[in-house]
Amino acid sequence: MTQTVDAALDAFTPALPLAVGLSGGADSTALLLGCAERWPGQVRAIHVHHGLQSAADAFERHCVDLCARLQVPLQVQRVDARHAPGQSPEDAARIARYKAFEAAAQAGPAELAIQSIALAQHADDQVETLLLALSRGAGVAGLAAMPAFWRRGGLDWHRPLLTVPGAEVRAWLRTRGQAWVEDPSNQDERYTRNRIRARLLPALEAAFPQFRDTFARSARHAAQASELLDDLARQDLAEVGDPPRIAALQPLSPARQGNVLRLWLRQAHQTTPSSAQLDALRVQITACTTRCHRIHIKVGRGFVAREGAVLRWYNP
C-alpha cells in the first residue's frame, strides 16, 4: 500500500548512526529532513558531485545550505562518472555513486561509524524501474525492481520512501515551506526512464489509479521467485562445483543449467550473460560428449571455455 511520508518514516527503524544520500532533489531533501527530525545528532548526509552538468554546483550549494540549517554534517564526494564505451551513462553514474557512498560511510573515527545508508527512491521510481525491466525482457531478478532493504559492504541499505508516491513527497515539502532543486536532465526524453515518467505514468494513473500498489505487489512476487531461484542455484552449484564440471551440468534441465551458470558467472566472476549467450553455452554443454569437443563462447565481459572436464571463464 502507498503511504504518506510521515507514515513511511515512522515505520523506518535503521541502525544508527545513519547516512542519507542527498542529491538536493525533492525526494532526498524530504528524506534528510524527516530523518534529521527523528534522530537529531545521529544523521549525516552524503552528497555525490558527479560533475556531469552545469547545474551540479547548484545542487551542492543547496545541500550545503540545507545541512547547515538542519545542523547535519555533510560530506561531499566528487567522482568521475564518465561512462566507458558500451556502458550507459546512467549505469556509470550509479556505480560511481555507490562507491562514493561506501567510501564516505567508512570515513571518520570508528566510534562514529555509519551503520546504515538511506536512499530516497519512491513509489514512482519503483514503477519506472519495473517498466524498464519489462522493456528489456528481464527475468524475475530484474522484475523484482528495487529492494527496500539489503546489505552491502558491511552496511545496511534502506529505501524508506519506496511506498510513497512522488507527488506526496513534493506536497509534504510544500507544507513545510522547504525548497529543493530540480535536475534539468529529468526532462530529457532521450532517456527511457524520463519518457516513462512523462508519458506512461500519467496514462497509468488515468487507467489504473492503484497501479503503484499492484506493480509493487508484482515486484515483491518476482523478488520472492528470484530468491527461490538463487537458493536452487546455490544448491546446484555445490553439486556441479566451481568451476562447474560439464558432466555434472548435463543431467540438469535447461532451466536449471541456465540458473546455476548465471549464479556461477555473477558470483565468481561478476559478469552477467545475455539470454542468447546462455542458450548457446547450454547447447554446447549438451553436445560435449567427446574429449575433443571444444567450447569457447563469448559470455558477459569475457569467454567461457572448456578446460578438461570443467568450464572456465576468462577475460582476455
C-alpha atoms as a PDB file:
ATOM      1  CA  MET A   1       0.000   0.000   0.000  1.00  0.00           C
ATOM      2  CA  THR A   2       1.194   3.511  -0.776  1.00  0.00           C
ATOM      3  CA  GLN A   3       1.907   5.652   2.282  1.00  0.00           C
ATOM      4  CA  THR A   4       2.438   9.232   3.339  1.00  0.00           C
ATOM      5  CA  VAL A   5       5.967  10.445   4.011  1.00  0.00           C
ATOM      6  CA  ASP A   6       5.322  10.541   7.768  1.00  0.00           C
ATOM      7  CA  ALA A   7       3.877   7.022   7.838  1.00  0.00           C
ATOM      8  CA  ALA A   8       6.805   5.632   5.856  1.00  0.00           C
ATOM      9  CA  LEU A   9       9.355   7.317   8.120  1.00  0.00           C
ATOM     10  CA  ASP A  10       7.516   6.208  11.257  1.00  0.00           C
ATOM     11  CA  ALA A  11       7.952   2.615  10.060  1.00  0.00           C
ATOM     12  CA  PHE A  12      11.659   3.151   9.317  1.00  0.00           C
ATOM     13  CA  THR A  13      13.896   1.752  12.067  1.00  0.00           C
ATOM     14  CA  PRO A  14      17.526   1.864  10.876  1.00  0.00           C
ATOM     15  CA  ALA A  15      20.619   1.042  12.863  1.00  0.00           C
ATOM     16  CA  LEU A  16      22.229   4.336  13.880  1.00  0.00           C
ATOM     17  CA  PRO A  17      24.247   6.392  13.031  1.00  0.00           C
ATOM     18  CA  LEU A  18      22.546   6.858   9.665  1.00  0.00           C
ATOM     19  CA  ALA A  19      23.762   8.478   6.448  1.00  0.00           C
ATOM     20  CA  VAL A  20      21.297   9.873   3.901  1.00  0.00           C
ATOM     21  CA  GLY A  21      22.195  10.093   0.235  1.00  0.00           C
ATOM     22  CA  LEU A  22      21.421  13.739  -0.572  1.00  0.00           C
ATOM     23  CA  SER A  23      21.221  14.828  -4.209  1.00  0.00           C
ATOM     24  CA  GLY A  24      19.348  18.064  -3.478  1.00  0.00           C
ATOM     25  CA  GLY A  25      16.207  16.917  -5.296  1.00  0.00           C
ATOM     26  CA  ALA A  26      12.782  16.779  -3.676  1.00  0.00           C
ATOM     27  CA  ASP A  27      12.990  13.127  -2.659  1.00  0.00           C
ATOM     28  CA  SER A  28      16.344  13.201  -0.884  1.00  0.00           C
ATOM     29  CA  THR A  29      15.620  16.619   0.635  1.00  0.00           C
ATOM     30  CA  ALA A  30      12.443  15.206   2.187  1.00  0.00           C
ATOM     31  CA  LEU A  31      14.240  12.086   3.384  1.00  0.00           C
ATOM     32  CA  LEU A  32      17.002  14.057   5.083  1.00  0.00           C
ATOM     33  CA  LEU A  33      14.556  16.497   6.671  1.00  0.00           C
ATOM     34  CA  GLY A  34      12.410  13.668   8.064  1.00  0.00           C
ATOM     35  CA  CYS A  35      15.372  11.643   9.345  1.00  0.00           C
ATOM     36  CA  ALA A  36      17.075  14.660  10.940  1.00  0.00           C
ATOM     37  CA  GLU A  37      13.868  15.425  12.851  1.00  0.00           C
ATOM     38  CA  ARG A  38      13.522  11.873  14.108  1.00  0.00           C
ATOM     39  CA  TRP A  39      17.171  11.191  15.070  1.00  0.00           C
ATOM     40  CA  PRO A  40      18.877  14.511  15.862  1.00  0.00           C
ATOM     41  CA  GLY A  41      22.627  14.153  16.147  1.00  0.00           C
ATOM     42  CA  GLN A  42      22.555  10.651  14.626  1.00  0.00           C
ATOM     43  CA  VAL A  43      22.254  11.591  10.944  1.00  0.00           C
ATOM     44  CA  ARG A  44      24.845  12.591   8.364  1.00  0.00           C
ATOM     45  CA  ALA A  45      24.364  13.488   4.712  1.00  0.00           C
ATOM     46  CA  ILE A  46      26.432  12.398   1.715  1.00  0.00           C
ATOM     47  CA  HIS A  47      26.275  14.403  -1.499  1.00  0.00           C
ATOM     48  CA  VAL A  48      27.865  12.956  -4.644  1.00  0.00           C
ATOM     49  CA  HIS A  49      29.043  15.622  -7.083  1.00  0.00           C
ATOM     50  CA  HIS A  50      29.068  13.868 -10.471  1.00  0.00           C
ATOM     51  CA  GLY A  51      30.398  16.863 -12.380  1.00  0.00           C
ATOM     52  CA  LEU A  52      28.386  15.866 -15.444  1.00  0.00           C
ATOM     53  CA  GLN A  53      26.272  19.007 -15.872  1.00  0.00           C
ATOM     54  CA  SER A  54      26.461  22.723 -15.241  1.00  0.00           C
ATOM     55  CA  ALA A  55      23.767  22.526 -12.543  1.00  0.00           C
ATOM     56  CA  ALA A  56      25.932  20.262 -10.358  1.00  0.00           C
ATOM     57  CA  ASP A  57      27.394  23.179  -8.385  1.00  0.00           C
ATOM     58  CA  ALA A  58      23.883  24.478  -7.638  1.00  0.00           C
ATOM     59  CA  PHE A  59      22.930  21.043  -6.297  1.00  0.00           C
ATOM     60  CA  GLU A  60      25.925  21.138  -3.969  1.00  0.00           C
ATOM     61  CA  ARG A  61      25.116  24.666  -2.721  1.00  0.00           C
ATOM     62  CA  HIS A  62      21.546  23.592  -1.893  1.00  0.00           C
ATOM     63  CA  CYS A  63      22.857  20.613   0.057  1.00  0.00           C
ATOM     64  CA  VAL A  64      25.394  22.737   1.947  1.00  0.00           C
ATOM     65  CA  ASP A  65      22.725  25.314   2.894  1.00  0.00           C
ATOM     66  CA  LEU A  66      20.160  22.681   3.886  1.00  0.00           C
ATOM     67  CA  CYS A  67      22.592  20.739   6.068  1.00  0.00           C
ATOM     68  CA  ALA A  68      23.841  23.921   7.734  1.00  0.00           C
ATOM     69  CA  ARG A  69      20.272  24.864   8.638  1.00  0.00           C
ATOM     70  CA  LEU A  70      19.477  21.355   9.922  1.00  0.00           C
ATOM     71  CA  GLN A  71      22.839  21.107  11.713  1.00  0.00           C
ATOM     72  CA  VAL A  72      23.565  17.865   9.890  1.00  0.00           C
ATOM     73  CA  PRO A  73      27.189  17.048   8.967  1.00  0.00           C
ATOM     74  CA  LEU A  74      27.663  16.870   5.203  1.00  0.00           C
ATOM     75  CA  GLN A  75      30.284  15.002   3.200  1.00  0.00           C
ATOM     76  CA  VAL A  76      30.692  15.952  -0.462  1.00  0.00           C
ATOM     77  CA  GLN A  77      32.176  13.221  -2.635  1.00  0.00           C
ATOM     78  CA  ARG A  78      33.421  14.271  -6.068  1.00  0.00           C
ATOM     79  CA  VAL A  79      33.537  11.430  -8.592  1.00  0.00           C
ATOM     80  CA  ASP A  80      34.421  10.811 -12.201  1.00  0.00           C
ATOM     81  CA  ALA A  81      31.142   9.424 -13.525  1.00  0.00           C
ATOM     82  CA  ARG A  82      32.014   9.422 -17.220  1.00  0.00           C
ATOM     83  CA  HIS A  83      30.856   6.217 -18.888  1.00  0.00           C
ATOM     84  CA  ALA A  84      33.110   3.748 -20.666  1.00  0.00           C
ATOM     85  CA  PRO A  85      32.486   2.703 -24.284  1.00  0.00           C
ATOM     86  CA  GLY A  86      29.437   0.454 -24.388  1.00  0.00           C
ATOM     87  CA  GLN A  87      28.327   1.485 -20.893  1.00  0.00           C
ATOM     88  CA  SER A  88      25.191   3.554 -20.324  1.00  0.00           C
ATOM     89  CA  PRO A  89      25.663   6.964 -18.653  1.00  0.00           C
ATOM     90  CA  GLU A  90      23.076   6.023 -16.023  1.00  0.00           C
ATOM     91  CA  ASP A  91      24.950   2.830 -15.065  1.00  0.00           C
ATOM     92  CA  ALA A  92      28.275   4.651 -14.859  1.00  0.00           C
ATOM     93  CA  ALA A  93      26.799   7.332 -12.594  1.00  0.00           C
ATOM     94  CA  ARG A  94      25.079   4.741 -10.396  1.00  0.00           C
ATOM     95  CA  ILE A  95      28.262   2.685  -9.929  1.00  0.00           C
ATOM     96  CA  ALA A  96      30.282   5.801  -9.109  1.00  0.00           C
ATOM     97  CA  ARG A  97      27.595   6.950  -6.673  1.00  0.00           C
ATOM     98  CA  TYR A  98      27.540   3.692  -4.703  1.00  0.00           C
ATOM     99  CA  LYS A  99      31.324   3.630  -4.455  1.00  0.00           C
ATOM    100  CA  ALA A 100      31.247   7.201  -3.156  1.00  0.00           C
ATOM    101  CA  PHE A 101      28.576   6.360  -0.575  1.00  0.00           C
ATOM    102  CA  GLU A 102      30.611   3.433   0.730  1.00  0.00           C
ATOM    103  CA  ALA A 103      33.810   5.485   0.894  1.00  0.00           C
ATOM    104  CA  ALA A 104      32.070   8.301   2.765  1.00  0.00           C
ATOM    105  CA  ALA A 105      30.430   5.899   5.223  1.00  0.00           C
ATOM    106  CA  GLN A 106      33.786   4.351   6.081  1.00  0.00           C
ATOM    107  CA  ALA A 107      35.493   7.700   6.656  1.00  0.00           C
ATOM    108  CA  GLY A 108      35.853   9.146  10.147  1.00  0.00           C
ATOM    109  CA  PRO A 109      36.505   7.661  13.597  1.00  0.00           C
ATOM    110  CA  ALA A 110      35.361   4.112  14.297  1.00  0.00           C
ATOM    111  CA  GLU A 111      33.118   5.151  17.201  1.00  0.00           C
ATOM    112  CA  LEU A 112      31.084   7.318  14.805  1.00  0.00           C
ATOM    113  CA  ALA A 113      31.000   4.744  12.003  1.00  0.00           C
ATOM    114  CA  ILE A 114      27.885   4.779   9.861  1.00  0.00           C
ATOM    115  CA  GLN A 115      25.706   1.677  10.292  1.00  0.00           C
ATOM    116  CA  SER A 116      23.014   2.414   7.695  1.00  0.00           C
ATOM    117  CA  ILE A 117      22.556   4.368   4.468  1.00  0.00           C
ATOM    118  CA  ALA A 118      19.138   5.605   3.331  1.00  0.00           C
ATOM    119  CA  LEU A 119      18.365   6.378  -0.303  1.00  0.00           C
ATOM    120  CA  ALA A 120      15.342   8.343  -1.451  1.00  0.00           C
ATOM    121  CA  GLN A 121      13.765   6.387  -4.315  1.00  0.00           C
ATOM    122  CA  HIS A 122       9.970   6.452  -4.079  1.00  0.00           C
ATOM    123  CA  ALA A 123       6.972   4.533  -5.445  1.00  0.00           C
ATOM    124  CA  ASP A 124       7.068   6.174  -8.878  1.00  0.00           C
ATOM    125  CA  ASP A 125      10.759   5.295  -9.207  1.00  0.00           C
ATOM    126  CA  GLN A 126       9.848   1.682  -8.437  1.00  0.00           C
ATOM    127  CA  VAL A 127       7.218   1.642 -11.187  1.00  0.00           C
ATOM    128  CA  GLU A 128       9.680   3.162 -13.659  1.00  0.00           C
ATOM    129  CA  THR A 129      12.277   0.524 -12.753  1.00  0.00           C
ATOM    130  CA  LEU A 130       9.770  -2.295 -13.277  1.00  0.00           C
ATOM    131  CA  LEU A 131       8.653  -0.900 -16.643  1.00  0.00           C
ATOM    132  CA  LEU A 132      12.276  -0.500 -17.724  1.00  0.00           C
ATOM    133  CA  ALA A 133      12.904  -4.138 -16.807  1.00  0.00           C
ATOM    134  CA  LEU A 134       9.861  -5.236 -18.818  1.00  0.00           C
ATOM    135  CA  SER A 135      11.006  -3.200 -21.811  1.00  0.00           C
ATOM    136  CA  ARG A 136      14.356  -5.021 -21.735  1.00  0.00           C
ATOM    137  CA  GLY A 137      12.865  -8.502 -21.407  1.00  0.00           C
ATOM    138  CA  ALA A 138      14.267  -9.001 -17.917  1.00  0.00           C
ATOM    139  CA  GLY A 139      13.822 -12.163 -15.867  1.00  0.00           C
ATOM    140  CA  VAL A 140      12.454 -12.311 -12.341  1.00  0.00           C
ATOM    141  CA  ALA A 141      15.573 -10.714 -10.828  1.00  0.00           C
ATOM    142  CA  GLY A 142      15.013  -7.618 -12.966  1.00  0.00           C
ATOM    143  CA  LEU A 143      11.261  -7.618 -12.418  1.00  0.00           C
ATOM    144  CA  ALA A 144      11.886  -7.583  -8.668  1.00  0.00           C
ATOM    145  CA  ALA A 145      12.887  -3.934  -9.266  1.00  0.00           C
ATOM    146  CA  MET A 146      14.454  -2.191  -6.265  1.00  0.00           C
ATOM    147  CA  PRO A 147      14.636  -3.798  -2.805  1.00  0.00           C
ATOM    148  CA  ALA A 148      13.570  -1.787   0.213  1.00  0.00           C
ATOM    149  CA  PHE A 149      16.473  -3.247   2.232  1.00  0.00           C
ATOM    150  CA  TRP A 150      19.740  -5.029   1.509  1.00  0.00           C
ATOM    151  CA  ARG A 151      23.232  -5.433   2.930  1.00  0.00           C
ATOM    152  CA  ARG A 152      26.394  -4.452   1.098  1.00  0.00           C
ATOM    153  CA  GLY A 153      29.920  -3.610   2.186  1.00  0.00           C
ATOM    154  CA  GLY A 154      29.113  -4.184   5.858  1.00  0.00           C
ATOM    155  CA  LEU A 155      26.301  -1.600   5.760  1.00  0.00           C
ATOM    156  CA  ASP A 156      22.520  -1.735   5.956  1.00  0.00           C
ATOM    157  CA  TRP A 157      20.953  -0.024   2.928  1.00  0.00           C
ATOM    158  CA  HIS A 158      17.370   1.240   3.022  1.00  0.00           C
ATOM    159  CA  ARG A 159      14.831   2.847   0.717  1.00  0.00           C
ATOM    160  CA  PRO A 160      12.261   4.030   3.269  1.00  0.00           C
ATOM    161  CA  LEU A 161      10.189   6.081   0.779  1.00  0.00           C
ATOM    162  CA  LEU A 162       9.641   3.225  -1.680  1.00  0.00           C
ATOM    163  CA  THR A 163       5.928   3.124  -0.827  1.00  0.00           C
ATOM    164  CA  VAL A 164       5.413   6.906  -1.140  1.00  0.00           C
ATOM    165  CA  PRO A 165       4.227   8.472  -4.450  1.00  0.00           C
ATOM    166  CA  GLY A 166       6.426  11.217  -5.828  1.00  0.00           C
ATOM    167  CA  ALA A 167       3.599  13.765  -5.715  1.00  0.00           C
ATOM    168  CA  GLU A 168       3.125  13.069  -1.989  1.00  0.00           C
ATOM    169  CA  VAL A 169       6.812  13.766  -1.347  1.00  0.00           C
ATOM    170  CA  ARG A 170       6.569  17.166  -3.021  1.00  0.00           C
ATOM    171  CA  ALA A 171       3.324  18.019  -1.265  1.00  0.00           C
ATOM    172  CA  TRP A 172       4.940  17.154   2.083  1.00  0.00           C
ATOM    173  CA  LEU A 173       7.820  19.523   1.358  1.00  0.00           C
ATOM    174  CA  ARG A 174       5.477  22.339   0.305  1.00  0.00           C
ATOM    175  CA  THR A 175       3.550  22.139   3.570  1.00  0.00           C
ATOM    176  CA  ARG A 176       6.863  22.762   5.334  1.00  0.00           C
ATOM    177  CA  GLY A 177       7.959  25.553   3.033  1.00  0.00           C
ATOM    178  CA  GLN A 178      11.040  23.567   2.069  1.00  0.00           C
ATOM    179  CA  ALA A 179      12.615  24.194  -1.345  1.00  0.00           C
ATOM    180  CA  TRP A 180      14.516  21.707  -3.465  1.00  0.00           C
ATOM    181  CA  VAL A 181      16.420  21.710  -6.754  1.00  0.00           C
ATOM    182  CA  GLU A 182      15.184  20.198  -9.998  1.00  0.00           C
ATOM    183  CA  ASP A 183      17.617  18.217 -12.108  1.00  0.00           C
ATOM    184  CA  PRO A 184      17.199  19.541 -15.676  1.00  0.00           C
ATOM    185  CA  SER A 185      18.233  16.169 -17.109  1.00  0.00           C
ATOM    186  CA  ASN A 186      14.989  14.699 -15.707  1.00  0.00           C
ATOM    187  CA  GLN A 187      13.122  16.475 -18.523  1.00  0.00           C
ATOM    188  CA  ASP A 188      15.309  14.999 -21.263  1.00  0.00           C
ATOM    189  CA  GLU A 189      13.163  12.404 -23.032  1.00  0.00           C
ATOM    190  CA  ARG A 190      16.150  10.912 -24.804  1.00  0.00           C
ATOM    191  CA  TYR A 191      16.386   8.808 -21.644  1.00  0.00           C
ATOM    192  CA  THR A 192      13.898   5.941 -21.477  1.00  0.00           C
ATOM    193  CA  ARG A 193      13.171   6.475 -17.784  1.00  0.00           C
ATOM    194  CA  ASN A 194      12.178  10.072 -18.461  1.00  0.00           C
ATOM    195  CA  ARG A 195       9.850   9.036 -21.288  1.00  0.00           C
ATOM    196  CA  ILE A 196       8.203   6.534 -18.936  1.00  0.00           C
ATOM    197  CA  ARG A 197       7.761   9.252 -16.310  1.00  0.00           C
ATOM    198  CA  ALA A 198       6.384  11.837 -18.735  1.00  0.00           C
ATOM    199  CA  ARG A 199       4.183   9.646 -20.911  1.00  0.00           C
ATOM    200  CA  LEU A 200       3.345   6.322 -19.272  1.00  0.00           C
ATOM    201  CA  LEU A 201       2.793   7.216 -15.623  1.00  0.00           C
ATOM    202  CA  PRO A 202       0.039   9.769 -16.390  1.00  0.00           C
ATOM    203  CA  ALA A 203      -1.676   7.200 -18.642  1.00  0.00           C
ATOM    204  CA  LEU A 204      -1.441   4.527 -15.941  1.00  0.00           C
ATOM    205  CA  GLU A 205      -2.793   6.971 -13.374  1.00  0.00           C
ATOM    206  CA  ALA A 206      -5.837   7.592 -15.577  1.00  0.00           C
ATOM    207  CA  ALA A 207      -6.450   3.943 -16.476  1.00  0.00           C
ATOM    208  CA  PHE A 208      -5.392   2.149 -13.258  1.00  0.00           C
ATOM    209  CA  PRO A 209      -5.347   4.525 -10.267  1.00  0.00           C
ATOM    210  CA  GLN A 210      -3.972   1.801  -7.969  1.00  0.00           C
ATOM    211  CA  PHE A 211      -1.110   0.895 -10.291  1.00  0.00           C
ATOM    212  CA  ARG A 212       1.602   1.764  -7.765  1.00  0.00           C
ATOM    213  CA  ASP A 213       0.237  -0.777  -5.283  1.00  0.00           C
ATOM    214  CA  THR A 214      -0.340  -3.532  -7.852  1.00  0.00           C
ATOM    215  CA  PHE A 215       3.012  -3.042  -9.564  1.00  0.00           C
ATOM    216  CA  ALA A 216       4.762  -3.110  -6.186  1.00  0.00           C
ATOM    217  CA  ARG A 217       2.978  -6.365  -5.363  1.00  0.00           C
ATOM    218  CA  SER A 218       4.175  -7.883  -8.660  1.00  0.00           C
ATOM    219  CA  ALA A 219       7.720  -6.752  -7.883  1.00  0.00           C
ATOM    220  CA  ARG A 220       7.524  -8.437  -4.463  1.00  0.00           C
ATOM    221  CA  HIS A 221       6.315 -11.688  -6.080  1.00  0.00           C
ATOM    222  CA  ALA A 222       9.211 -11.511  -8.554  1.00  0.00           C
ATOM    223  CA  ALA A 223      11.654 -10.882  -5.698  1.00  0.00           C
ATOM    224  CA  GLN A 224      10.404 -13.993  -3.883  1.00  0.00           C
ATOM    225  CA  ALA A 225      10.717 -16.070  -7.068  1.00  0.00           C
ATOM    226  CA  SER A 226      14.222 -14.715  -7.635  1.00  0.00           C
ATOM    227  CA  GLU A 227      15.209 -15.655  -4.091  1.00  0.00           C
ATOM    228  CA  LEU A 228      13.964 -19.218  -4.620  1.00  0.00           C
ATOM    229  CA  LEU A 229      15.892 -19.495  -7.896  1.00  0.00           C
ATOM    230  CA  ASP A 230      19.043 -18.284  -6.135  1.00  0.00           C
ATOM    231  CA  ASP A 231      18.536 -20.874  -3.388  1.00  0.00           C
ATOM    232  CA  LEU A 232      18.215 -23.631  -6.009  1.00  0.00           C
ATOM    233  CA  ALA A 233      21.242 -22.309  -7.915  1.00  0.00           C
ATOM    234  CA  ARG A 234      23.385 -22.383  -4.773  1.00  0.00           C
ATOM    235  CA  GLN A 235      22.380 -25.995  -4.143  1.00  0.00           C
ATOM    236  CA  ASP A 236      23.155 -26.951  -7.740  1.00  0.00           C
ATOM    237  CA  LEU A 237      26.481 -25.081  -7.699  1.00  0.00           C
ATOM    238  CA  ALA A 238      27.522 -27.057  -4.632  1.00  0.00           C
ATOM    239  CA  GLU A 239      26.875 -30.216  -6.657  1.00  0.00           C
ATOM    240  CA  VAL A 240      28.431 -29.234 -10.007  1.00  0.00           C
ATOM    241  CA  GLY A 241      31.394 -27.462  -8.435  1.00  0.00           C
ATOM    242  CA  ASP A 242      33.254 -24.230  -9.005  1.00  0.00           C
ATOM    243  CA  PRO A 243      34.462 -24.323 -11.735  1.00  0.00           C
ATOM    244  CA  PRO A 244      31.452 -26.328 -12.965  1.00  0.00           C
ATOM    245  CA  ARG A 245      32.031 -29.879 -14.131  1.00  0.00           C
ATOM    246  CA  ILE A 246      30.486 -30.451 -17.551  1.00  0.00           C
ATOM    247  CA  ALA A 247      29.356 -33.999 -16.728  1.00  0.00           C
ATOM    248  CA  ALA A 248      27.569 -32.741 -13.613  1.00  0.00           C
ATOM    249  CA  LEU A 249      25.797 -29.984 -15.571  1.00  0.00           C
ATOM    250  CA  GLN A 250      24.494 -32.267 -18.319  1.00  0.00           C
ATOM    251  CA  PRO A 251      21.787 -34.120 -16.288  1.00  0.00           C
ATOM    252  CA  LEU A 252      20.222 -30.802 -15.218  1.00  0.00           C
ATOM    253  CA  SER A 253      17.239 -29.420 -17.091  1.00  0.00           C
ATOM    254  CA  PRO A 254      17.955 -26.484 -19.438  1.00  0.00           C
ATOM    255  CA  ALA A 255      16.339 -24.098 -16.965  1.00  0.00           C
ATOM    256  CA  ARG A 256      18.472 -25.339 -14.058  1.00  0.00           C
ATOM    257  CA  GLN A 257      21.619 -25.278 -16.183  1.00  0.00           C
ATOM    258  CA  GLY A 258      20.981 -21.645 -17.066  1.00  0.00           C
ATOM    259  CA  ASN A 259      20.126 -20.811 -13.465  1.00  0.00           C
ATOM    260  CA  VAL A 260      23.295 -22.287 -11.965  1.00  0.00           C
ATOM    261  CA  LEU A 261      25.554 -20.933 -14.714  1.00  0.00           C
ATOM    262  CA  ARG A 262      24.136 -17.460 -14.208  1.00  0.00           C
ATOM    263  CA  LEU A 263      24.883 -17.640 -10.476  1.00  0.00           C
ATOM    264  CA  TRP A 264      28.399 -19.004 -11.084  1.00  0.00           C
ATOM    265  CA  LEU A 265      29.235 -16.198 -13.503  1.00  0.00           C
ATOM    266  CA  ARG A 266      27.781 -13.500 -11.260  1.00  0.00           C
ATOM    267  CA  GLN A 267      29.220 -14.822  -8.003  1.00  0.00           C
ATOM    268  CA  ALA A 268      32.663 -15.948  -9.138  1.00  0.00           C
ATOM    269  CA  HIS A 269      33.336 -13.539 -11.989  1.00  0.00           C
ATOM    270  CA  GLN A 270      30.997 -10.542 -11.509  1.00  0.00           C
ATOM    271  CA  THR A 271      29.680 -10.832 -15.052  1.00  0.00           C
ATOM    272  CA  THR A 272      26.163 -11.201 -16.429  1.00  0.00           C
ATOM    273  CA  PRO A 273      25.445 -13.284 -19.543  1.00  0.00           C
ATOM    274  CA  SER A 274      22.731 -12.474 -22.040  1.00  0.00           C
ATOM    275  CA  SER A 275      19.949 -14.993 -22.679  1.00  0.00           C
ATOM    276  CA  ALA A 276      21.396 -15.733 -26.133  1.00  0.00           C
ATOM    277  CA  GLN A 277      24.850 -16.401 -24.654  1.00  0.00           C
ATOM    278  CA  LEU A 278      23.438 -18.761 -22.038  1.00  0.00           C
ATOM    279  CA  ASP A 279      21.397 -20.599 -24.671  1.00  0.00           C
ATOM    280  CA  ALA A 280      24.486 -21.047 -26.852  1.00  0.00           C
ATOM    281  CA  LEU A 281      26.513 -22.275 -23.886  1.00  0.00           C
ATOM    282  CA  ARG A 282      23.862 -24.797 -22.877  1.00  0.00           C
ATOM    283  CA  VAL A 283      23.750 -26.183 -26.437  1.00  0.00           C
ATOM    284  CA  GLN A 284      27.496 -26.745 -26.301  1.00  0.00           C
ATOM    285  CA  ILE A 285      27.292 -28.381 -22.858  1.00  0.00           C
ATOM    286  CA  THR A 286      24.704 -30.844 -24.183  1.00  0.00           C
ATOM    287  CA  ALA A 287      26.818 -31.591 -27.262  1.00  0.00           C
ATOM    288  CA  CYS A 288      30.007 -32.086 -25.248  1.00  0.00           C
ATOM    289  CA  THR A 289      30.213 -35.910 -25.279  1.00  0.00           C
ATOM    290  CA  THR A 290      33.772 -36.460 -26.529  1.00  0.00           C
ATOM    291  CA  ARG A 291      37.206 -35.483 -25.245  1.00  0.00           C
ATOM    292  CA  CYS A 292      37.921 -33.420 -28.319  1.00  0.00           C
ATOM    293  CA  HIS A 293      34.761 -31.304 -28.163  1.00  0.00           C
ATOM    294  CA  ARG A 294      35.759 -27.639 -27.924  1.00  0.00           C
ATOM    295  CA  ILE A 295      33.771 -24.975 -26.053  1.00  0.00           C
ATOM    296  CA  HIS A 296      34.717 -21.328 -26.467  1.00  0.00           C
ATOM    297  CA  ILE A 297      31.833 -18.845 -26.233  1.00  0.00           C
ATOM    298  CA  LYS A 298      31.590 -15.116 -25.540  1.00  0.00           C
ATOM    299  CA  VAL A 299      29.761 -14.761 -22.216  1.00  0.00           C
ATOM    300  CA  GLY A 300      29.296 -11.493 -20.346  1.00  0.00           C
ATOM    301  CA  ARG A 301      32.521  -9.474 -20.383  1.00  0.00           C
ATOM    302  CA  GLY A 302      34.693 -12.465 -21.305  1.00  0.00           C
ATOM    303  CA  PHE A 303      34.632 -16.036 -22.559  1.00  0.00           C
ATOM    304  CA  VAL A 304      33.654 -19.455 -21.233  1.00  0.00           C
ATOM    305  CA  ALA A 305      35.911 -22.247 -22.458  1.00  0.00           C
ATOM    306  CA  ARG A 306      36.261 -25.949 -21.805  1.00  0.00           C
ATOM    307  CA  GLU A 307      39.346 -26.928 -19.838  1.00  0.00           C
ATOM    308  CA  GLY A 308      39.414 -30.685 -19.498  1.00  0.00           C
ATOM    309  CA  ALA A 309      36.339 -31.743 -17.541  1.00  0.00           C
ATOM    310  CA  VAL A 310      35.313 -28.263 -16.379  1.00  0.00           C
ATOM    311  CA  LEU A 311      34.251 -24.856 -17.646  1.00  0.00           C
ATOM    312  CA  ARG A 312      36.473 -21.850 -17.088  1.00  0.00           C
ATOM    313  CA  TRP A 313      35.643 -18.160 -17.549  1.00  0.00           C
ATOM    314  CA  TYR A 314      38.340 -15.721 -18.516  1.00  0.00           C
ATOM    315  CA  ASN A 315      38.597 -12.103 -19.579  1.00  0.00           C
ATOM    316  CA  PRO A 316      41.407 -11.736 -22.164  1.00  0.00           C
END
